[in-house]
Amino acid sequence: MKRYRDRDEAGQLLAELLSHHAGEDPLVLGIPRGGLPVARPIAEALDGDLGVVVAGKVGAPGNPEFAIGAVAPDGVTLIDEITVRRLGISPEQLGSAVEQALEKLKRREQAFGAVGLEAADRLVIVVDDGVATGATLQAALQYLRRLGPSFLVCAVPVGPPSTIARLAADVDEMVCPRQPDRFHAVGEWYEYFSQVSDEEVEAILSRQ
């Protein structure tokens, strides 16, 4: 299965697959940071508005890079209860981890700008550069659903079939052109996959 050259190429392919939404004034929301360079070509091709939706990973105590859940901007939390029990995480530790995730989310939301209620009654397309477990993206999708869009789409260039099927249950349309059975990390499906800085995100948004 062919790799993408970069996030821009991935966004262009998704834009082609979403071309039936041209003329529907979509709101295209990237998951910062990596989702914004993918979302930009989609918004341009569909003549839509570009913005961000911020969700946050809840990291395990002592190992913050290991996700045990995710938080949405309205404070609603998704927790992997099985993993929490398996790791022996106490309610106090879990509460502290969630609080830290919410604080980080609020800082990023202030930096990039909140979605607010502009998603209500609109076609909303949520974009990331790929998905592995999908916890953070799922939190973002469920948050947006609560805002009342007229139609909710999730578009990602690559992800494992099981994750894509789970996320599809939260949206009206799921677009993921590459769903490899053997999936280890999003970055392995790109030839060029550098970190996206806050400054790059702000530059993309400032051009709207």
Foldseek 3Di string as FASTA:
>chain_A
DAFAAELQSLLQVLLVVVVVCAPQQEEEAEEPDQFLSSRLVNCVSSVHHYAYFYKFFQAQVVGGVHGQAIAGQVGDIDGNVVVCVVVVPDPVRSVVSSVVRNVVRVVVCVLGDHPPLPQAQGEYEYTHQEDEQCRRVLNRLQVSVVSHYPFYEYEYAEYAPVNQVVSCVSGPYYHYPYHDNDDDDSVVRYPDYDHGDSVNSNVSNVVD
